[in-house]
Amino acid sequence: RALNFFEGNNKYLFSRSRIYGISI
């Protein structure tokens, strides 16, 4: 299920900025 979520939101996750990732 987690892999399905990752594949479905791949473009969104890979486009996040560095500040966004550090905040998470």
PDB file of all heavy atoms in Angstrom:
ATOM      1  N   ARG A   1       0.826  -1.204   0.000  1.00  0.00           N
ATOM      2  CA  ARG A   1       0.000   0.000   0.000  1.00  0.00           C
ATOM      3  C   ARG A   1       0.866   1.262   0.000  1.00  0.00           C
ATOM      4  O   ARG A   1       0.562   2.247  -0.687  1.00  0.00           O
ATOM      5  CB  ARG A   1      -0.934   0.007   1.214  1.00  0.00           C
ATOM      6  CG  ARG A   1      -1.951  -1.113   1.250  1.00  0.00           C
ATOM      7  CD  ARG A   1      -2.798  -1.183   0.000  1.00  0.00           C
ATOM      8  NE  ARG A   1      -3.515   0.064  -0.217  1.00  0.00           N
ATOM      9  CZ  ARG A   1      -4.170   0.381  -1.324  1.00  0.00           C
ATOM     10  NH1 ARG A   1      -4.145  -0.464  -2.344  1.00  0.00           N
ATOM     11  NH2 ARG A   1      -4.815   1.525  -1.439  1.00  0.00           N
ATOM     12  N   ALA A   2       1.937   1.245   0.788  1.00  0.00           N
ATOM     13  CA  ALA A   2       2.838   2.407   0.823  1.00  0.00           C
ATOM     14  C   ALA A   2       3.532   2.591  -0.525  1.00  0.00           C
ATOM     15  O   ALA A   2       3.716   3.727  -0.988  1.00  0.00           O
ATOM     16  CB  ALA A   2       3.877   2.230   1.934  1.00  0.00           C
ATOM     17  N   LEU A   3       3.907   1.490  -1.179  1.00  0.00           N
ATOM     18  CA  LEU A   3       4.537   1.581  -2.494  1.00  0.00           C
ATOM     19  C   LEU A   3       3.552   2.124  -3.528  1.00  0.00           C
ATOM     20  O   LEU A   3       3.935   2.922  -4.399  1.00  0.00           O
ATOM     21  CB  LEU A   3       5.060   0.207  -2.927  1.00  0.00           C
ATOM     22  CG  LEU A   3       5.788   0.149  -4.267  1.00  0.00           C
ATOM     23  CD1 LEU A   3       7.014   1.056  -4.270  1.00  0.00           C
ATOM     24  CD2 LEU A   3       6.187  -1.287  -4.604  1.00  0.00           C
ATOM     25  N   ASN A   4       2.292   1.703  -3.431  1.00  0.00           N
ATOM     26  CA  ASN A   4       1.265   2.239  -4.335  1.00  0.00           C
ATOM     27  C   ASN A   4       1.118   3.751  -4.158  1.00  0.00           C
ATOM     28  O   ASN A   4       0.993   4.496  -5.138  1.00  0.00           O
ATOM     29  CB  ASN A   4      -0.081   1.558  -4.075  1.00  0.00           C
ATOM     30  CG  ASN A   4      -0.126   0.152  -4.630  1.00  0.00           C
ATOM     31  OD1 ASN A   4       0.657  -0.221  -5.490  1.00  0.00           O
ATOM     32  ND2 ASN A   4      -1.051  -0.646  -4.124  1.00  0.00           N
ATOM     33  N   PHE A   5       1.139   4.208  -2.904  1.00  0.00           N
ATOM     34  CA  PHE A   5       1.060   5.644  -2.636  1.00  0.00           C
ATOM     35  C   PHE A   5       2.273   6.357  -3.226  1.00  0.00           C
ATOM     36  O   PHE A   5       2.143   7.424  -3.847  1.00  0.00           O
ATOM     37  CB  PHE A   5       0.993   5.892  -1.129  1.00  0.00           C
ATOM     38  CG  PHE A   5       1.145   7.335  -0.740  1.00  0.00           C
ATOM     39  CD1 PHE A   5       0.062   8.204  -0.786  1.00  0.00           C
ATOM     40  CD2 PHE A   5       2.383   7.840  -0.332  1.00  0.00           C
ATOM     41  CE1 PHE A   5       0.206   9.539  -0.446  1.00  0.00           C
ATOM     42  CE2 PHE A   5       2.532   9.170   0.008  1.00  0.00           C
ATOM     43  CZ  PHE A   5       1.436  10.025  -0.049  1.00  0.00           C
ATOM     44  N   PHE A   6       3.445   5.772  -3.041  1.00  0.00           N
ATOM     45  CA  PHE A   6       4.684   6.370  -3.559  1.00  0.00           C
ATOM     46  C   PHE A   6       4.646   6.470  -5.077  1.00  0.00           C
ATOM     47  O   PHE A   6       4.986   7.519  -5.648  1.00  0.00           O
ATOM     48  CB  PHE A   6       5.884   5.541  -3.104  1.00  0.00           C
ATOM     49  CG  PHE A   6       7.191   5.977  -3.692  1.00  0.00           C
ATOM     50  CD1 PHE A   6       7.882   7.054  -3.163  1.00  0.00           C
ATOM     51  CD2 PHE A   6       7.737   5.310  -4.791  1.00  0.00           C
ATOM     52  CE1 PHE A   6       9.090   7.466  -3.709  1.00  0.00           C
ATOM     53  CE2 PHE A   6       8.932   5.711  -5.336  1.00  0.00           C
ATOM     54  CZ  PHE A   6       9.614   6.795  -4.799  1.00  0.00           C
ATOM     55  N   GLU A   7       4.230   5.398  -5.746  1.00  0.00           N
ATOM     56  CA  GLU A   7       4.197   5.403  -7.211  1.00  0.00           C
ATOM     57  C   GLU A   7       3.155   6.390  -7.729  1.00  0.00           C
ATOM     58  O   GLU A   7       3.369   7.069  -8.734  1.00  0.00           O
ATOM     59  CB  GLU A   7       3.891   4.000  -7.740  1.00  0.00           C
ATOM     60  CG  GLU A   7       4.935   2.954  -7.395  1.00  0.00           C
ATOM     61  CD  GLU A   7       6.246   3.154  -8.114  1.00  0.00           C
ATOM     62  OE1 GLU A   7       6.320   4.032  -8.997  1.00  0.00           O
ATOM     63  OE2 GLU A   7       7.216   2.445  -7.786  1.00  0.00           O
ATOM     64  N   GLY A   8       2.016   6.486  -7.038  1.00  0.00           N
ATOM     65  CA  GLY A   8       0.967   7.379  -7.478  1.00  0.00           C
ATOM     66  C   GLY A   8       1.286   8.849  -7.283  1.00  0.00           C
ATOM     67  O   GLY A   8       0.715   9.712  -7.972  1.00  0.00           O
ATOM     68  N   ASN A   9       2.179   9.152  -6.324  1.00  0.00           N
ATOM     69  CA  ASN A   9       2.531  10.547  -6.025  1.00  0.00           C
ATOM     70  C   ASN A   9       4.005  10.823  -6.286  1.00  0.00           C
ATOM     71  O   ASN A   9       4.587  11.725  -5.681  1.00  0.00           O
ATOM     72  CB  ASN A   9       2.190  10.867  -4.560  1.00  0.00           C
ATOM     73  CG  ASN A   9       0.714  10.735  -4.270  1.00  0.00           C
ATOM     74  OD1 ASN A   9      -0.069  11.644  -4.479  1.00  0.00           O
ATOM     75  ND2 ASN A   9       0.314   9.562  -3.773  1.00  0.00           N
ATOM     76  N   ASN A  10       4.591  10.013  -7.168  1.00  0.00           N
ATOM     77  CA  ASN A  10       6.024  10.090  -7.440  1.00  0.00           C
ATOM     78  C   ASN A  10       6.454  11.483  -7.893  1.00  0.00           C
ATOM     79  O   ASN A  10       7.412  12.065  -7.349  1.00  0.00           O
ATOM     80  CB  ASN A  10       6.380   9.044  -8.507  1.00  0.00           C
ATOM     81  CG  ASN A  10       7.862   8.833  -8.638  1.00  0.00           C
ATOM     82  OD1 ASN A  10       8.576   9.746  -9.012  1.00  0.00           O
ATOM     83  ND2 ASN A  10       8.310   7.625  -8.325  1.00  0.00           N
ATOM     84  N   LYS A  11       5.761  12.045  -8.862  1.00  0.00           N
ATOM     85  CA  LYS A  11       6.142  13.350  -9.396  1.00  0.00           C
ATOM     86  C   LYS A  11       6.019  14.447  -8.337  1.00  0.00           C
ATOM     87  O   LYS A  11       6.877  15.336  -8.250  1.00  0.00           O
ATOM     88  CB  LYS A  11       5.274  13.689 -10.609  1.00  0.00           C
ATOM     89  CG  LYS A  11       5.553  12.798 -11.811  1.00  0.00           C
ATOM     90  CD  LYS A  11       4.710  13.209 -13.010  1.00  0.00           C
ATOM     91  CE  LYS A  11       4.999  12.312 -14.214  1.00  0.00           C
ATOM     92  NZ  LYS A  11       4.155  12.684 -15.380  1.00  0.00           N
ATOM     93  N   TYR A  12       4.959  14.373  -7.545  1.00  0.00           N
ATOM     94  CA  TYR A  12       4.767  15.371  -6.489  1.00  0.00           C
ATOM     95  C   TYR A  12       5.887  15.293  -5.450  1.00  0.00           C
ATOM     96  O   TYR A  12       6.470  16.316  -5.062  1.00  0.00           O
ATOM     97  CB  TYR A  12       3.410  15.172  -5.820  1.00  0.00           C
ATOM     98  CG  TYR A  12       3.181  16.065  -4.618  1.00  0.00           C
ATOM     99  CD1 TYR A  12       2.785  17.390  -4.781  1.00  0.00           C
ATOM    100  CD2 TYR A  12       3.371  15.580  -3.325  1.00  0.00           C
ATOM    101  CE1 TYR A  12       2.585  18.215  -3.683  1.00  0.00           C
ATOM    102  CE2 TYR A  12       3.169  16.392  -2.223  1.00  0.00           C
ATOM    103  CZ  TYR A  12       2.774  17.717  -2.413  1.00  0.00           C
ATOM    104  OH  TYR A  12       2.592  18.521  -1.319  1.00  0.00           O
ATOM    105  N   LEU A  13       6.209  14.081  -4.999  1.00  0.00           N
ATOM    106  CA  LEU A  13       7.236  13.905  -3.965  1.00  0.00           C
ATOM    107  C   LEU A  13       8.613  14.327  -4.471  1.00  0.00           C
ATOM    108  O   LEU A  13       9.391  14.949  -3.738  1.00  0.00           O
ATOM    109  CB  LEU A  13       7.266  12.438  -3.515  1.00  0.00           C
ATOM    110  CG  LEU A  13       6.015  11.927  -2.782  1.00  0.00           C
ATOM    111  CD1 LEU A  13       6.104  10.429  -2.560  1.00  0.00           C
ATOM    112  CD2 LEU A  13       5.836  12.643  -1.455  1.00  0.00           C
ATOM    113  N   PHE A  14       8.931  14.008  -5.726  1.00  0.00           N
ATOM    114  CA  PHE A  14      10.242  14.325  -6.273  1.00  0.00           C
ATOM    115  C   PHE A  14      10.403  15.811  -6.602  1.00  0.00           C
ATOM    116  O   PHE A  14      11.530  16.273  -6.808  1.00  0.00           O
ATOM    117  CB  PHE A  14      10.506  13.490  -7.525  1.00  0.00           C
ATOM    118  CG  PHE A  14      10.935  12.082  -7.244  1.00  0.00           C
ATOM    119  CD1 PHE A  14      10.751  11.522  -5.988  1.00  0.00           C
ATOM    120  CD2 PHE A  14      11.523  11.302  -8.225  1.00  0.00           C
ATOM    121  CE1 PHE A  14      11.138  10.224  -5.720  1.00  0.00           C
ATOM    122  CE2 PHE A  14      11.923  10.001  -7.966  1.00  0.00           C
ATOM    123  CZ  PHE A  14      11.720   9.462  -6.709  1.00  0.00           C
ATOM    124  N   SER A  15       9.295  16.548  -6.647  1.00  0.00           N
ATOM    125  CA  SER A  15       9.374  17.979  -6.962  1.00  0.00           C
ATOM    126  C   SER A  15       9.436  18.865  -5.719  1.00  0.00           C
ATOM    127  O   SER A  15       9.563  20.079  -5.829  1.00  0.00           O
ATOM    128  CB  SER A  15       8.160  18.396  -7.807  1.00  0.00           C
ATOM    129  OG  SER A  15       6.957  18.259  -7.050  1.00  0.00           O
ATOM    130  N   ARG A  16       9.352  18.256  -4.526  1.00  0.00           N
ATOM    131  CA  ARG A  16       9.387  19.055  -3.290  1.00  0.00           C
ATOM    132  C   ARG A  16      10.762  19.680  -3.089  1.00  0.00           C
ATOM    133  O   ARG A  16      11.793  19.082  -3.397  1.00  0.00           O
ATOM    134  CB  ARG A  16       9.044  18.196  -2.077  1.00  0.00           C
ATOM    135  CG  ARG A  16       7.622  17.617  -2.061  1.00  0.00           C
ATOM    136  CD  ARG A  16       6.548  18.676  -2.166  1.00  0.00           C
ATOM    137  NE  ARG A  16       6.204  18.969  -3.554  1.00  0.00           N
ATOM    138  CZ  ARG A  16       5.483  20.003  -3.920  1.00  0.00           C
ATOM    139  NH1 ARG A  16       5.058  20.877  -3.024  1.00  0.00           N
ATOM    140  NH2 ARG A  16       5.209  20.188  -5.197  1.00  0.00           N
ATOM    141  N   SER A  17      10.775  20.878  -2.514  1.00  0.00           N
ATOM    142  CA  SER A  17      12.022  21.608  -2.312  1.00  0.00           C
ATOM    143  C   SER A  17      12.792  21.075  -1.108  1.00  0.00           C
ATOM    144  O   SER A  17      12.265  20.292  -0.305  1.00  0.00           O
ATOM    145  CB  SER A  17      11.726  23.100  -2.097  1.00  0.00           C
ATOM    146  OG  SER A  17      11.006  23.285  -0.885  1.00  0.00           O
ATOM    147  N   ARG A  18      14.028  21.537  -0.985  1.00  0.00           N
ATOM    148  CA  ARG A  18      14.875  21.118   0.134  1.00  0.00           C
ATOM    149  C   ARG A  18      14.300  21.574   1.478  1.00  0.00           C
ATOM    150  O   ARG A  18      14.268  20.791   2.444  1.00  0.00           O
ATOM    151  CB  ARG A  18      16.278  21.687  -0.051  1.00  0.00           C
ATOM    152  CG  ARG A  18      17.271  21.252   1.017  1.00  0.00           C
ATOM    153  CD  ARG A  18      18.637  21.831   0.719  1.00  0.00           C
ATOM    154  NE  ARG A  18      19.076  21.422  -0.617  1.00  0.00           N
ATOM    155  CZ  ARG A  18      20.097  21.990  -1.260  1.00  0.00           C
ATOM    156  NH1 ARG A  18      20.747  22.995  -0.711  1.00  0.00           N
ATOM    157  NH2 ARG A  18      20.443  21.563  -2.455  1.00  0.00           N
ATOM    158  N   ILE A  19      13.816  22.798   1.536  1.00  0.00           N
ATOM    159  CA  ILE A  19      13.239  23.317   2.786  1.00  0.00           C
ATOM    160  C   ILE A  19      12.026  22.496   3.196  1.00  0.00           C
ATOM    161  O   ILE A  19      11.831  22.190   4.383  1.00  0.00           O
ATOM    162  CB  ILE A  19      12.847  24.805   2.622  1.00  0.00           C
ATOM    163  CG1 ILE A  19      14.092  25.649   2.351  1.00  0.00           C
ATOM    164  CG2 ILE A  19      12.128  25.319   3.871  1.00  0.00           C
ATOM    165  CD1 ILE A  19      15.118  25.633   3.462  1.00  0.00           C
ATOM    166  N   TYR A  20      11.203  22.145   2.226  1.00  0.00           N
ATOM    167  CA  TYR A  20      10.015  21.337   2.501  1.00  0.00           C
ATOM    168  C   TYR A  20      10.427  19.982   3.098  1.00  0.00           C
ATOM    169  O   TYR A  20       9.846  19.527   4.087  1.00  0.00           O
ATOM    170  CB  TYR A  20       9.229  21.124   1.206  1.00  0.00           C
ATOM    171  CG  TYR A  20       7.953  20.332   1.375  1.00  0.00           C
ATOM    172  CD1 TYR A  20       6.759  20.965   1.666  1.00  0.00           C
ATOM    173  CD2 TYR A  20       7.960  18.945   1.223  1.00  0.00           C
ATOM    174  CE1 TYR A  20       5.583  20.235   1.809  1.00  0.00           C
ATOM    175  CE2 TYR A  20       6.797  18.211   1.361  1.00  0.00           C
ATOM    176  CZ  TYR A  20       5.614  18.858   1.649  1.00  0.00           C
ATOM    177  OH  TYR A  20       4.459  18.119   1.803  1.00  0.00           O
ATOM    178  N   GLY A  21      11.425  19.332   2.495  1.00  0.00           N
ATOM    179  CA  GLY A  21      11.875  18.031   2.983  1.00  0.00           C
ATOM    180  C   GLY A  21      12.449  18.107   4.380  1.00  0.00           C
ATOM    181  O   GLY A  21      12.153  17.262   5.241  1.00  0.00           O
ATOM    182  N   ILE A  22      13.277  19.126   4.644  1.00  0.00           N
ATOM    183  CA  ILE A  22      13.862  19.283   5.977  1.00  0.00           C
ATOM    184  C   ILE A  22      12.767  19.544   7.014  1.00  0.00           C
ATOM    185  O   ILE A  22      12.826  19.032   8.144  1.00  0.00           O
ATOM    186  CB  ILE A  22      14.903  20.421   5.969  1.00  0.00           C
ATOM    187  CG1 ILE A  22      16.104  20.038   5.092  1.00  0.00           C
ATOM    188  CG2 ILE A  22      15.368  20.750   7.382  1.00  0.00           C
ATOM    189  CD1 ILE A  22      17.111  21.144   4.895  1.00  0.00           C
ATOM    190  N   SER A  23      11.753  20.310   6.631  1.00  0.00           N
ATOM    191  CA  SER A  23      10.634  20.597   7.543  1.00  0.00           C
ATOM    192  C   SER A  23       9.892  19.313   7.909  1.00  0.00           C
ATOM    193  O   SER A  23       9.500  19.126   9.072  1.00  0.00           O
ATOM    194  CB  SER A  23       9.669  21.595   6.907  1.00  0.00           C
ATOM    195  OG  SER A  23      10.323  22.813   6.610  1.00  0.00           O
ATOM    196  N   ILE A  24       9.698  18.435   6.922  1.00  0.00           N
ATOM    197  CA  ILE A  24       9.017  17.154   7.188  1.00  0.00           C
ATOM    198  C   ILE A  24       9.831  16.302   8.159  1.00  0.00           C
ATOM    199  O   ILE A  24       9.283  15.696   9.089  1.00  0.00           O
ATOM    200  CB  ILE A  24       8.790  16.386   5.866  1.00  0.00           C
ATOM    201  CG1 ILE A  24       7.754  17.109   5.002  1.00  0.00           C
ATOM    202  CG2 ILE A  24       8.327  14.963   6.141  1.00  0.00           C
ATOM    203  CD1 ILE A  24       6.371  17.180   5.596  1.00  0.00           C
TER     204      ILE A  24
END
